N, C-alpha and C. Protein backbone atom coordinates (compact mmCIF):
# COMPACT_ATOMS: atom_id res chain seq x y z
N MET A 1 0.84 -1.22 0.07
CA MET A 1 0.04 -0.03 0.00
C MET A 1 0.90 1.20 0.00
N ALA A 2 0.80 2.00 -1.01
CA ALA A 2 1.52 3.20 -1.11
C ALA A 2 0.87 4.47 -0.45
N VAL A 3 1.63 5.22 0.02
CA VAL A 3 1.14 6.46 0.64
C VAL A 3 1.74 7.81 0.00
N ALA A 4 0.95 8.84 -0.10
CA ALA A 4 1.53 10.20 -0.75
C ALA A 4 2.38 10.72 0.30
N MET A 5 3.69 10.88 -0.16
CA MET A 5 4.66 11.46 0.77
C MET A 5 4.74 13.04 0.37
N LYS A 6 4.55 13.89 1.44
CA LYS A 6 4.81 15.27 1.29
C LYS A 6 5.15 15.87 2.57
N ALA A 7 5.94 16.95 2.67
CA ALA A 7 6.32 17.50 3.88
C ALA A 7 5.12 17.97 4.68
N GLY A 8 5.06 17.60 5.90
CA GLY A 8 4.02 17.82 6.91
C GLY A 8 2.95 16.72 7.08
N ALA A 9 3.05 15.79 6.22
CA ALA A 9 2.07 14.60 6.22
C ALA A 9 2.38 13.84 7.51
N ARG A 10 1.19 13.29 8.07
CA ARG A 10 1.58 12.37 9.39
C ARG A 10 1.00 11.01 9.12
N PHE A 11 1.67 10.10 9.56
CA PHE A 11 1.23 8.70 9.52
C PHE A 11 1.38 7.92 10.82
N LYS A 12 0.62 6.83 11.05
CA LYS A 12 0.69 6.05 12.28
C LYS A 12 0.88 4.67 11.79
N SER A 13 1.48 3.82 12.73
CA SER A 13 1.75 2.38 12.48
C SER A 13 0.35 1.69 12.68
N ALA A 14 0.17 0.62 11.96
CA ALA A 14 -1.09 -0.13 12.20
C ALA A 14 -0.94 -1.27 13.16
N VAL A 15 0.45 -1.54 13.60
CA VAL A 15 0.62 -2.51 14.54
C VAL A 15 1.46 -2.22 15.79
N CYS A 16 1.69 -0.97 15.99
CA CYS A 16 2.32 -0.48 17.17
C CYS A 16 1.98 0.98 17.46
N ASP A 17 2.52 1.65 18.49
CA ASP A 17 2.32 3.09 18.84
C ASP A 17 3.10 4.03 18.02
N THR A 18 3.97 3.72 17.12
CA THR A 18 4.67 4.64 16.34
C THR A 18 3.95 5.53 15.50
N GLN A 19 4.28 6.87 15.49
CA GLN A 19 3.65 7.91 14.68
C GLN A 19 4.72 8.69 14.09
N VAL A 20 4.79 9.16 12.94
CA VAL A 20 5.82 9.97 12.32
C VAL A 20 5.22 11.11 11.41
N MET A 21 6.01 12.13 11.26
CA MET A 21 5.71 13.33 10.42
C MET A 21 6.86 13.31 9.36
N VAL A 22 6.38 13.71 8.05
CA VAL A 22 7.29 13.75 7.01
C VAL A 22 7.96 15.13 7.10
N ILE A 23 9.30 15.12 7.07
CA ILE A 23 10.02 16.42 7.12
C ILE A 23 10.45 16.67 5.76
N LYS A 24 10.98 15.73 4.99
CA LYS A 24 11.45 16.04 3.60
C LYS A 24 11.14 14.71 2.83
N ALA A 25 10.45 14.89 1.67
CA ALA A 25 10.37 13.79 0.67
C ALA A 25 10.05 14.31 -0.67
N PRO A 26 10.57 13.46 -1.74
CA PRO A 26 10.31 13.90 -3.04
C PRO A 26 8.73 13.59 -3.32
N ALA A 27 8.10 14.33 -4.28
CA ALA A 27 6.77 14.08 -4.57
C ALA A 27 6.52 12.70 -5.11
N GLY A 28 5.26 12.20 -4.84
CA GLY A 28 5.03 10.81 -5.27
C GLY A 28 4.61 9.86 -4.13
N GLU A 29 4.15 8.75 -4.56
CA GLU A 29 3.81 7.63 -3.60
C GLU A 29 4.93 6.70 -3.27
N ARG A 30 4.93 6.33 -2.01
CA ARG A 30 6.10 5.42 -1.55
C ARG A 30 5.41 4.38 -0.59
N ASP A 31 6.03 3.15 -0.53
CA ASP A 31 5.63 2.20 0.41
C ASP A 31 6.25 2.36 1.73
N LEU A 32 5.59 3.07 2.67
CA LEU A 32 6.09 3.31 3.94
C LEU A 32 5.47 2.30 4.93
N ARG A 33 6.48 1.63 5.70
CA ARG A 33 5.99 0.53 6.58
C ARG A 33 6.58 0.81 7.97
N CYS A 34 5.89 0.22 9.00
CA CYS A 34 6.38 0.18 10.30
C CYS A 34 6.06 -1.21 10.94
N GLY A 35 7.06 -1.92 11.31
CA GLY A 35 6.86 -3.21 11.87
C GLY A 35 6.37 -4.20 10.88
N GLY A 36 6.81 -3.97 9.64
CA GLY A 36 6.36 -4.80 8.51
C GLY A 36 5.01 -4.55 7.92
N ALA A 37 4.22 -3.74 8.42
CA ALA A 37 2.85 -3.42 8.05
C ALA A 37 2.73 -1.99 7.39
N PRO A 38 1.98 -1.88 6.38
CA PRO A 38 1.84 -0.46 5.79
C PRO A 38 1.46 0.53 6.81
N MET A 39 1.94 1.74 6.78
CA MET A 39 1.58 2.89 7.65
C MET A 39 0.29 3.49 7.21
N ILE A 40 -0.62 4.04 8.03
CA ILE A 40 -1.79 4.54 7.81
C ILE A 40 -2.01 5.88 8.12
N GLY A 41 -2.95 6.66 7.61
CA GLY A 41 -3.22 7.97 7.98
C GLY A 41 -3.57 8.08 9.52
N PRO A 42 -3.42 9.34 10.08
CA PRO A 42 -3.62 9.49 11.45
C PRO A 42 -5.04 9.14 12.11
N THR A 43 -6.11 9.28 11.13
CA THR A 43 -7.49 9.04 11.64
C THR A 43 -8.06 7.65 11.13
N GLU A 44 -7.16 7.04 10.38
CA GLU A 44 -7.66 5.65 9.75
C GLU A 44 -7.55 4.63 10.96
N ALA A 45 -8.57 3.55 10.80
CA ALA A 45 -8.39 2.43 11.77
C ALA A 45 -7.54 1.37 11.20
N PRO A 46 -6.66 0.76 11.99
CA PRO A 46 -5.88 -0.39 11.60
C PRO A 46 -6.69 -1.37 10.93
N PRO A 47 -6.13 -2.14 9.88
CA PRO A 47 -6.85 -3.25 9.32
C PRO A 47 -6.90 -4.39 10.36
N ALA A 48 -7.99 -5.17 10.19
CA ALA A 48 -8.32 -6.30 11.07
C ALA A 48 -7.11 -7.33 10.99
N GLY A 49 -6.63 -7.82 11.98
CA GLY A 49 -5.60 -8.76 11.92
C GLY A 49 -4.18 -8.43 11.75
N ALA A 50 -3.96 -7.04 11.72
CA ALA A 50 -2.59 -6.59 11.57
C ALA A 50 -1.69 -6.86 12.72
N GLN A 51 -0.53 -7.52 12.54
CA GLN A 51 0.30 -7.95 13.57
C GLN A 51 1.78 -7.41 13.27
N LEU A 52 2.48 -7.16 14.36
CA LEU A 52 3.80 -6.71 14.30
C LEU A 52 4.64 -7.92 13.84
N ASP A 53 5.54 -7.76 12.80
CA ASP A 53 6.46 -8.79 12.21
C ASP A 53 7.64 -8.78 13.26
N ALA A 54 7.91 -10.01 13.85
CA ALA A 54 8.97 -10.08 14.86
C ALA A 54 10.39 -9.76 14.25
N THR A 55 10.58 -9.89 13.05
CA THR A 55 11.82 -9.63 12.36
C THR A 55 11.94 -8.06 12.12
N ARG A 56 10.93 -7.33 12.30
CA ARG A 56 10.92 -5.81 12.11
C ARG A 56 10.66 -5.19 13.33
N ALA A 57 10.79 -5.68 14.51
CA ALA A 57 10.54 -5.25 15.77
C ALA A 57 11.78 -4.57 16.48
N VAL A 58 12.25 -3.45 15.81
CA VAL A 58 13.33 -2.68 16.46
C VAL A 58 12.71 -1.40 16.79
N GLU A 59 12.79 -0.98 17.98
CA GLU A 59 12.12 0.19 18.54
C GLU A 59 12.33 1.43 17.75
N THR A 60 11.30 2.24 17.44
CA THR A 60 11.52 3.57 16.99
C THR A 60 11.52 4.54 18.22
N LEU A 61 12.28 5.59 18.12
CA LEU A 61 12.64 6.43 19.37
C LEU A 61 11.90 7.88 19.07
N ILE A 62 11.24 8.35 19.94
CA ILE A 62 10.50 9.67 19.83
C ILE A 62 11.58 10.76 19.68
N GLY A 63 11.33 11.66 18.93
CA GLY A 63 12.20 12.77 18.62
C GLY A 63 13.41 12.56 17.69
N LYS A 64 13.55 11.33 17.33
CA LYS A 64 14.70 11.05 16.37
C LYS A 64 14.22 11.19 14.96
N ARG A 65 15.14 11.51 14.01
CA ARG A 65 14.87 11.66 12.62
C ARG A 65 15.40 10.28 11.90
N TYR A 66 14.43 9.91 11.08
CA TYR A 66 14.96 8.75 10.32
C TYR A 66 15.03 8.97 8.82
N VAL A 67 16.06 8.45 8.16
CA VAL A 67 16.39 8.83 6.68
C VAL A 67 16.64 7.51 6.05
N ASN A 68 16.45 7.70 4.72
CA ASN A 68 16.97 6.57 3.82
C ASN A 68 18.31 6.77 3.38
N ALA A 69 19.01 5.85 2.65
CA ALA A 69 20.39 5.77 2.32
C ALA A 69 20.86 7.15 1.79
N ASP A 70 20.03 7.78 0.85
CA ASP A 70 20.58 9.09 0.25
C ASP A 70 20.00 10.24 0.84
N GLU A 71 19.33 10.14 2.03
CA GLU A 71 18.79 11.18 2.76
C GLU A 71 17.69 12.02 1.83
N SER A 72 17.13 11.44 0.98
CA SER A 72 16.16 12.13 0.10
C SER A 72 14.80 12.07 0.93
N VAL A 73 14.63 11.27 1.84
CA VAL A 73 13.35 11.10 2.71
C VAL A 73 13.72 11.37 4.18
N GLU A 74 13.08 12.17 4.97
CA GLU A 74 13.45 12.26 6.33
C GLU A 74 12.08 12.32 7.08
N LEU A 75 12.07 11.43 8.09
CA LEU A 75 10.73 11.47 8.89
C LEU A 75 11.19 11.66 10.35
N LEU A 76 10.24 12.44 11.06
CA LEU A 76 10.56 12.68 12.45
C LEU A 76 9.46 11.80 13.32
N CYS A 77 10.07 11.10 14.17
CA CYS A 77 9.14 10.25 15.00
C CYS A 77 8.69 11.07 16.22
N THR A 78 7.20 11.18 16.04
CA THR A 78 6.57 11.95 17.00
C THR A 78 5.96 11.22 18.20
N LYS A 79 5.90 9.83 18.08
CA LYS A 79 5.55 8.90 19.09
C LYS A 79 6.27 7.57 18.93
N GLY A 80 6.98 7.25 19.78
CA GLY A 80 7.85 6.03 19.72
C GLY A 80 6.98 4.77 19.78
N GLY A 81 7.48 3.54 19.21
CA GLY A 81 6.80 2.32 19.27
C GLY A 81 7.76 1.15 19.07
N LYS A 82 7.27 -0.06 18.88
CA LYS A 82 7.99 -1.17 18.92
C LYS A 82 8.46 -1.61 17.54
N GLY A 83 7.82 -1.02 16.48
CA GLY A 83 8.25 -1.42 15.09
C GLY A 83 9.31 -0.62 14.49
N SER A 84 10.09 -1.21 13.52
CA SER A 84 11.14 -0.47 12.78
C SER A 84 10.44 0.12 11.53
N LEU A 85 11.10 1.34 10.92
CA LEU A 85 10.53 1.92 9.78
C LEU A 85 11.25 1.42 8.54
N SER A 86 10.52 1.37 7.49
CA SER A 86 11.06 1.09 6.21
C SER A 86 10.48 1.76 5.08
N LEU A 87 11.12 2.00 4.04
CA LEU A 87 10.60 2.66 2.84
C LEU A 87 11.01 1.97 1.56
N ASP A 88 9.91 1.49 0.77
CA ASP A 88 10.19 0.82 -0.40
C ASP A 88 11.07 -0.46 -0.25
N GLY A 89 10.93 -1.08 0.95
CA GLY A 89 11.65 -2.29 1.30
C GLY A 89 13.08 -2.09 1.96
N ALA A 90 13.44 -0.92 2.05
CA ALA A 90 14.75 -0.58 2.73
C ALA A 90 14.52 0.01 4.15
N ALA A 91 15.20 -0.54 5.01
CA ALA A 91 15.13 0.04 6.44
C ALA A 91 15.60 1.46 6.50
N LEU A 92 14.97 2.26 7.32
CA LEU A 92 15.35 3.69 7.55
C LEU A 92 16.21 3.71 8.78
N GLU A 93 17.23 4.49 8.88
CA GLU A 93 18.16 4.70 9.86
C GLU A 93 17.98 5.96 10.56
N VAL A 94 18.41 6.01 11.87
CA VAL A 94 18.42 7.18 12.61
C VAL A 94 19.46 8.18 11.93
N LYS A 95 19.02 9.46 11.73
CA LYS A 95 19.88 10.42 11.11
C LYS A 95 20.96 10.82 12.08
N GLN A 96 22.25 10.85 11.71
CA GLN A 96 23.35 11.04 12.54
C GLN A 96 23.65 12.58 12.59
N ALA A 97 24.03 13.12 13.73
CA ALA A 97 24.39 14.54 13.66
C ALA A 97 25.58 14.92 12.92
N LYS A 98 25.61 16.07 12.25
CA LYS A 98 26.72 16.51 11.41
C LYS A 98 27.79 17.02 12.29
N GLN A 99 29.04 16.70 11.90
CA GLN A 99 30.24 17.06 12.69
C GLN A 99 30.38 18.70 12.33
N LEU A 100 30.75 19.38 13.50
CA LEU A 100 30.92 20.78 13.38
C LEU A 100 32.37 20.96 13.19
N PRO A 101 32.74 22.00 12.50
CA PRO A 101 34.28 22.24 12.26
C PRO A 101 34.81 22.51 13.58
N SER A 102 36.25 22.03 13.58
CA SER A 102 36.94 22.25 14.89
C SER A 102 37.23 23.72 15.03
N SER A 103 37.33 24.19 16.28
CA SER A 103 37.66 25.59 16.60
C SER A 103 39.08 25.81 16.93
N ASP A 104 39.94 25.29 16.33
CA ASP A 104 41.39 25.43 16.67
C ASP A 104 41.81 26.84 16.69
């Protein structure tokens, strides 16, 4: 199930408490998942029988930003949960802080 990704859009997991907001994304539809299940809109009801995939149960952390490999997509976790985030089949990773120049 693909969702329309655009800055400001919000999504929630169908299988855990995770909620995210899109910070940066190219236009178009993408396959955004949490815990192995497609993410849904903030007001949608989870599909019947949706369960957390044990192989995708890596906790998402509130306040962290998650990015894909080329950092073209960035999500902010607004509520943590038990499922890991993935986009188009690839796991999203916590965005690392940029190194500041030394002040020698």
